[in-house]
Amino acid sequence: REGAIHSIIGPNGAGKTTFFNCVTGF
């Protein structure tokens, strides 16, 4: 949501940084 502070959590290897890399085009 616009203006939100939204967190993604999960154990190691859950896919969090992979998700960031998809959003940013890496």
PDB file of all heavy atoms in Angstrom:
ATOM      1  N   ARG A   1       0.827  -1.205   0.000  1.00  0.00           N
ATOM      2  CA  ARG A   1       0.000   0.000   0.000  1.00  0.00           C
ATOM      3  C   ARG A   1       0.861   1.256   0.000  1.00  0.00           C
ATOM      4  O   ARG A   1       1.918   1.304   0.639  1.00  0.00           O
ATOM      5  CB  ARG A   1      -0.914  -0.013   1.238  1.00  0.00           C
ATOM      6  CG  ARG A   1      -1.821   1.195   1.371  1.00  0.00           C
ATOM      7  CD  ARG A   1      -2.735   1.051   2.573  1.00  0.00           C
ATOM      8  NE  ARG A   1      -1.975   0.835   3.802  1.00  0.00           N
ATOM      9  CZ  ARG A   1      -1.384   1.822   4.483  1.00  0.00           C
ATOM     10  NH1 ARG A   1      -1.437   3.061   4.046  1.00  0.00           N
ATOM     11  NH2 ARG A   1      -0.737   1.544   5.595  1.00  0.00           N
ATOM     12  N   GLU A   2       0.421   2.260  -0.719  1.00  0.00           N
ATOM     13  CA  GLU A   2       1.149   3.526  -0.781  1.00  0.00           C
ATOM     14  C   GLU A   2       1.273   4.135   0.622  1.00  0.00           C
ATOM     15  O   GLU A   2       0.317   4.208   1.386  1.00  0.00           O
ATOM     16  CB  GLU A   2       0.446   4.511  -1.705  1.00  0.00           C
ATOM     17  CG  GLU A   2       1.202   5.815  -1.881  1.00  0.00           C
ATOM     18  CD  GLU A   2       0.597   6.689  -2.968  1.00  0.00           C
ATOM     19  OE1 GLU A   2      -0.517   6.388  -3.434  1.00  0.00           O
ATOM     20  OE2 GLU A   2       1.242   7.674  -3.344  1.00  0.00           O
ATOM     21  N   GLY A   3       2.500   4.538   0.966  1.00  0.00           N
ATOM     22  CA  GLY A   3       2.752   5.156   2.255  1.00  0.00           C
ATOM     23  C   GLY A   3       2.929   4.189   3.404  1.00  0.00           C
ATOM     24  O   GLY A   3       3.035   4.608   4.561  1.00  0.00           O
ATOM     25  N   ALA A   4       3.003   2.889   3.107  1.00  0.00           N
ATOM     26  CA  ALA A   4       3.098   1.886   4.170  1.00  0.00           C
ATOM     27  C   ALA A   4       4.553   1.553   4.491  1.00  0.00           C
ATOM     28  O   ALA A   4       5.467   1.809   3.708  1.00  0.00           O
ATOM     29  CB  ALA A   4       2.370   0.609   3.755  1.00  0.00           C
ATOM     30  N   ILE A   5       4.748   0.981   5.672  1.00  0.00           N
ATOM     31  CA  ILE A   5       5.991   0.279   6.006  1.00  0.00           C
ATOM     32  C   ILE A   5       5.619  -1.192   6.075  1.00  0.00           C
ATOM     33  O   ILE A   5       4.930  -1.631   7.004  1.00  0.00           O
ATOM     34  CB  ILE A   5       6.599   0.765   7.327  1.00  0.00           C
ATOM     35  CG1 ILE A   5       6.951   2.257   7.245  1.00  0.00           C
ATOM     36  CG2 ILE A   5       7.842  -0.055   7.675  1.00  0.00           C
ATOM     37  CD1 ILE A   5       7.504   2.835   8.538  1.00  0.00           C
ATOM     38  N   HIS A   6       6.039  -1.951   5.086  1.00  0.00           N
ATOM     39  CA  HIS A   6       5.621  -3.337   4.877  1.00  0.00           C
ATOM     40  C   HIS A   6       6.862  -4.220   4.976  1.00  0.00           C
ATOM     41  O   HIS A   6       7.859  -3.971   4.305  1.00  0.00           O
ATOM     42  CB  HIS A   6       4.980  -3.444   3.495  1.00  0.00           C
ATOM     43  CG  HIS A   6       4.326  -4.757   3.201  1.00  0.00           C
ATOM     44  ND1 HIS A   6       3.090  -4.850   2.576  1.00  0.00           N
ATOM     45  CD2 HIS A   6       4.719  -6.045   3.416  1.00  0.00           C
ATOM     46  CE1 HIS A   6       2.763  -6.122   2.436  1.00  0.00           C
ATOM     47  NE2 HIS A   6       3.749  -6.867   2.934  1.00  0.00           N
ATOM     48  N   SER A   7       6.810  -5.237   5.806  1.00  0.00           N
ATOM     49  CA  SER A   7       7.971  -6.117   6.011  1.00  0.00           C
ATOM     50  C   SER A   7       7.746  -7.486   5.400  1.00  0.00           C
ATOM     51  O   SER A   7       6.614  -7.994   5.355  1.00  0.00           O
ATOM     52  CB  SER A   7       8.268  -6.279   7.509  1.00  0.00           C
ATOM     53  OG  SER A   7       8.709  -5.075   8.078  1.00  0.00           O
ATOM     54  N   ILE A   8       8.847  -8.075   4.939  1.00  0.00           N
ATOM     55  CA  ILE A   8       8.863  -9.470   4.491  1.00  0.00           C
ATOM     56  C   ILE A   8       9.794 -10.226   5.419  1.00  0.00           C
ATOM     57  O   ILE A   8      10.965  -9.843   5.586  1.00  0.00           O
ATOM     58  CB  ILE A   8       9.350  -9.601   3.038  1.00  0.00           C
ATOM     59  CG1 ILE A   8       8.426  -8.833   2.090  1.00  0.00           C
ATOM     60  CG2 ILE A   8       9.422 -11.062   2.633  1.00  0.00           C
ATOM     61  CD1 ILE A   8       8.893  -8.860   0.645  1.00  0.00           C
ATOM     62  N   ILE A   9       9.293 -11.277   6.041  1.00  0.00           N
ATOM     63  CA  ILE A   9      10.114 -12.073   6.943  1.00  0.00           C
ATOM     64  C   ILE A   9      10.043 -13.539   6.525  1.00  0.00           C
ATOM     65  O   ILE A   9       9.232 -13.923   5.688  1.00  0.00           O
ATOM     66  CB  ILE A   9       9.687 -11.915   8.414  1.00  0.00           C
ATOM     67  CG1 ILE A   9       8.291 -12.500   8.643  1.00  0.00           C
ATOM     68  CG2 ILE A   9       9.729 -10.451   8.842  1.00  0.00           C
ATOM     69  CD1 ILE A   9       7.881 -12.563  10.114  1.00  0.00           C
ATOM     70  N   GLY A  10      10.903 -14.341   7.136  1.00  0.00           N
ATOM     71  CA  GLY A  10      10.927 -15.772   6.860  1.00  0.00           C
ATOM     72  C   GLY A  10      12.281 -16.342   7.221  1.00  0.00           C
ATOM     73  O   GLY A  10      13.265 -15.603   7.328  1.00  0.00           O
ATOM     74  N   PRO A  11      12.373 -17.644   7.410  1.00  0.00           N
ATOM     75  CA  PRO A  11      13.652 -18.277   7.738  1.00  0.00           C
ATOM     76  C   PRO A  11      14.673 -18.080   6.610  1.00  0.00           C
ATOM     77  O   PRO A  11      14.326 -17.680   5.497  1.00  0.00           O
ATOM     78  CB  PRO A  11      13.286 -19.762   7.890  1.00  0.00           C
ATOM     79  CG  PRO A  11      11.801 -19.794   8.031  1.00  0.00           C
ATOM     80  CD  PRO A  11      11.274 -18.614   7.293  1.00  0.00           C
ATOM     81  N   ASN A  12      15.922 -18.373   6.897  1.00  0.00           N
ATOM     82  CA  ASN A  12      16.956 -18.322   5.862  1.00  0.00           C
ATOM     83  C   ASN A  12      16.567 -19.220   4.695  1.00  0.00           C
ATOM     84  O   ASN A  12      16.114 -20.345   4.898  1.00  0.00           O
ATOM     85  CB  ASN A  12      18.308 -18.771   6.431  1.00  0.00           C
ATOM     86  CG  ASN A  12      18.890 -17.762   7.406  1.00  0.00           C
ATOM     87  OD1 ASN A  12      18.601 -16.577   7.322  1.00  0.00           O
ATOM     88  ND2 ASN A  12      19.702 -18.243   8.336  1.00  0.00           N
ATOM     89  N   GLY A  13      16.750 -18.713   3.469  1.00  0.00           N
ATOM     90  CA  GLY A  13      16.413 -19.491   2.294  1.00  0.00           C
ATOM     91  C   GLY A  13      14.950 -19.454   1.918  1.00  0.00           C
ATOM     92  O   GLY A  13      14.515 -20.210   1.043  1.00  0.00           O
ATOM     93  N   ALA A  14      14.181 -18.550   2.547  1.00  0.00           N
ATOM     94  CA  ALA A  14      12.745 -18.498   2.276  1.00  0.00           C
ATOM     95  C   ALA A  14      12.417 -17.836   0.949  1.00  0.00           C
ATOM     96  O   ALA A  14      11.296 -17.952   0.457  1.00  0.00           O
ATOM     97  CB  ALA A  14      12.024 -17.765   3.409  1.00  0.00           C
ATOM     98  N   GLY A  15      13.375 -17.109   0.349  1.00  0.00           N
ATOM     99  CA  GLY A  15      13.138 -16.467  -0.930  1.00  0.00           C
ATOM    100  C   GLY A  15      13.001 -14.952  -0.855  1.00  0.00           C
ATOM    101  O   GLY A  15      12.632 -14.307  -1.835  1.00  0.00           O
ATOM    102  N   LYS A  16      13.323 -14.368   0.294  1.00  0.00           N
ATOM    103  CA  LYS A  16      13.102 -12.935   0.502  1.00  0.00           C
ATOM    104  C   LYS A  16      13.954 -12.079  -0.435  1.00  0.00           C
ATOM    105  O   LYS A  16      13.438 -11.200  -1.148  1.00  0.00           O
ATOM    106  CB  LYS A  16      13.397 -12.567   1.965  1.00  0.00           C
ATOM    107  CG  LYS A  16      12.588 -13.371   2.974  1.00  0.00           C
ATOM    108  CD  LYS A  16      12.887 -12.982   4.399  1.00  0.00           C
ATOM    109  CE  LYS A  16      14.306 -13.282   4.831  1.00  0.00           C
ATOM    110  NZ  LYS A  16      14.623 -14.729   4.863  1.00  0.00           N
ATOM    111  N   THR A  17      15.263 -12.317  -0.454  1.00  0.00           N
ATOM    112  CA  THR A  17      16.140 -11.519  -1.322  1.00  0.00           C
ATOM    113  C   THR A  17      15.898 -11.849  -2.787  1.00  0.00           C
ATOM    114  O   THR A  17      15.998 -10.975  -3.654  1.00  0.00           O
ATOM    115  CB  THR A  17      17.616 -11.750  -0.942  1.00  0.00           C
ATOM    116  OG1 THR A  17      17.824 -11.290   0.408  1.00  0.00           O
ATOM    117  CG2 THR A  17      18.542 -10.978  -1.866  1.00  0.00           C
ATOM    118  N   THR A  18      15.556 -13.098  -3.088  1.00  0.00           N
ATOM    119  CA  THR A  18      15.189 -13.452  -4.466  1.00  0.00           C
ATOM    120  C   THR A  18      13.996 -12.621  -4.924  1.00  0.00           C
ATOM    121  O   THR A  18      13.949 -12.148  -6.072  1.00  0.00           O
ATOM    122  CB  THR A  18      14.856 -14.949  -4.564  1.00  0.00           C
ATOM    123  OG1 THR A  18      16.012 -15.724  -4.224  1.00  0.00           O
ATOM    124  CG2 THR A  18      14.421 -15.321  -5.978  1.00  0.00           C
ATOM    125  N   PHE A  19      13.040 -12.411  -4.034  1.00  0.00           N
ATOM    126  CA  PHE A  19      11.874 -11.578  -4.359  1.00  0.00           C
ATOM    127  C   PHE A  19      12.323 -10.148  -4.664  1.00  0.00           C
ATOM    128  O   PHE A  19      11.889  -9.557  -5.665  1.00  0.00           O
ATOM    129  CB  PHE A  19      10.881 -11.596  -3.207  1.00  0.00           C
ATOM    130  CG  PHE A  19       9.647 -10.780  -3.468  1.00  0.00           C
ATOM    131  CD1 PHE A  19       8.611 -11.293  -4.234  1.00  0.00           C
ATOM    132  CD2 PHE A  19       9.522  -9.499  -2.959  1.00  0.00           C
ATOM    133  CE1 PHE A  19       7.473 -10.535  -4.496  1.00  0.00           C
ATOM    134  CE2 PHE A  19       8.392  -8.735  -3.204  1.00  0.00           C
ATOM    135  CZ  PHE A  19       7.366  -9.254  -3.974  1.00  0.00           C
ATOM    136  N   PHE A  20      13.192  -9.593  -3.833  1.00  0.00           N
ATOM    137  CA  PHE A  20      13.731  -8.249  -4.093  1.00  0.00           C
ATOM    138  C   PHE A  20      14.423  -8.196  -5.447  1.00  0.00           C
ATOM    139  O   PHE A  20      14.267  -7.234  -6.209  1.00  0.00           O
ATOM    140  CB  PHE A  20      14.720  -7.862  -3.001  1.00  0.00           C
ATOM    141  CG  PHE A  20      14.110  -7.116  -1.840  1.00  0.00           C
ATOM    142  CD1 PHE A  20      12.768  -7.254  -1.529  1.00  0.00           C
ATOM    143  CD2 PHE A  20      14.882  -6.284  -1.037  1.00  0.00           C
ATOM    144  CE1 PHE A  20      12.203  -6.576  -0.454  1.00  0.00           C
ATOM    145  CE2 PHE A  20      14.334  -5.595   0.023  1.00  0.00           C
ATOM    146  CZ  PHE A  20      12.997  -5.736   0.328  1.00  0.00           C
ATOM    147  N   ASN A  21      15.195  -9.227  -5.769  1.00  0.00           N
ATOM    148  CA  ASN A  21      15.927  -9.243  -7.033  1.00  0.00           C
ATOM    149  C   ASN A  21      14.988  -9.301  -8.235  1.00  0.00           C
ATOM    150  O   ASN A  21      15.291  -8.759  -9.296  1.00  0.00           O
ATOM    151  CB  ASN A  21      16.905 -10.424  -7.068  1.00  0.00           C
ATOM    152  CG  ASN A  21      18.115 -10.210  -6.175  1.00  0.00           C
ATOM    153  OD1 ASN A  21      18.484  -9.070  -5.874  1.00  0.00           O
ATOM    154  ND2 ASN A  21      18.736 -11.290  -5.747  1.00  0.00           N
ATOM    155  N   CYS A  22      13.855  -9.956  -8.076  1.00  0.00           N
ATOM    156  CA  CYS A  22      12.854  -9.984  -9.158  1.00  0.00           C
ATOM    157  C   CYS A  22      12.201  -8.616  -9.321  1.00  0.00           C
ATOM    158  O   CYS A  22      12.021  -8.131 -10.447  1.00  0.00           O
ATOM    159  CB  CYS A  22      11.796 -11.050  -8.876  1.00  0.00           C
ATOM    160  SG  CYS A  22      12.361 -12.757  -9.100  1.00  0.00           S
ATOM    161  N   VAL A  23      11.853  -7.981  -8.211  1.00  0.00           N
ATOM    162  CA  VAL A  23      11.196  -6.673  -8.272  1.00  0.00           C
ATOM    163  C   VAL A  23      12.108  -5.635  -8.914  1.00  0.00           C
ATOM    164  O   VAL A  23      11.648  -4.778  -9.677  1.00  0.00           O
ATOM    165  CB  VAL A  23      10.767  -6.225  -6.860  1.00  0.00           C
ATOM    166  CG1 VAL A  23      10.312  -4.759  -6.865  1.00  0.00           C
ATOM    167  CG2 VAL A  23       9.648  -7.116  -6.331  1.00  0.00           C
ATOM    168  N   THR A  24      13.412  -5.710  -8.643  1.00  0.00           N
ATOM    169  CA  THR A  24      14.345  -4.688  -9.126  1.00  0.00           C
ATOM    170  C   THR A  24      14.978  -5.023 -10.471  1.00  0.00           C
ATOM    171  O   THR A  24      15.822  -4.277 -10.961  1.00  0.00           O
ATOM    172  CB  THR A  24      15.459  -4.453  -8.090  1.00  0.00           C
ATOM    173  OG1 THR A  24      16.072  -5.700  -7.738  1.00  0.00           O
ATOM    174  CG2 THR A  24      14.894  -3.812  -6.832  1.00  0.00           C
ATOM    175  N   GLY A  25      14.598  -6.140 -11.082  1.00  0.00           N
ATOM    176  CA  GLY A  25      15.080  -6.449 -12.420  1.00  0.00           C
ATOM    177  C   GLY A  25      16.365  -7.231 -12.491  1.00  0.00           C
ATOM    178  O   GLY A  25      16.853  -7.529 -13.594  1.00  0.00           O
ATOM    179  N   PHE A  26      16.953  -7.591 -11.348  1.00  0.00           N
ATOM    180  CA  PHE A  26      18.178  -8.398 -11.378  1.00  0.00           C
ATOM    181  C   PHE A  26      17.866  -9.834 -11.813  1.00  0.00           C
ATOM    182  O   PHE A  26      18.689 -10.494 -12.437  1.00  0.00           O
ATOM    183  CB  PHE A  26      18.848  -8.396 -10.003  1.00  0.00           C
ATOM    184  CG  PHE A  26      19.545  -7.107  -9.675  1.00  0.00           C
ATOM    185  CD1 PHE A  26      18.901  -6.113  -8.965  1.00  0.00           C
ATOM    186  CD2 PHE A  26      20.843  -6.864 -10.099  1.00  0.00           C
ATOM    187  CE1 PHE A  26      19.524  -4.914  -8.674  1.00  0.00           C
ATOM    188  CE2 PHE A  26      21.482  -5.678  -9.815  1.00  0.00           C
ATOM    189  CZ  PHE A  26      20.817  -4.694  -9.097  1.00  0.00           C
TER     190      PHE A  26
END
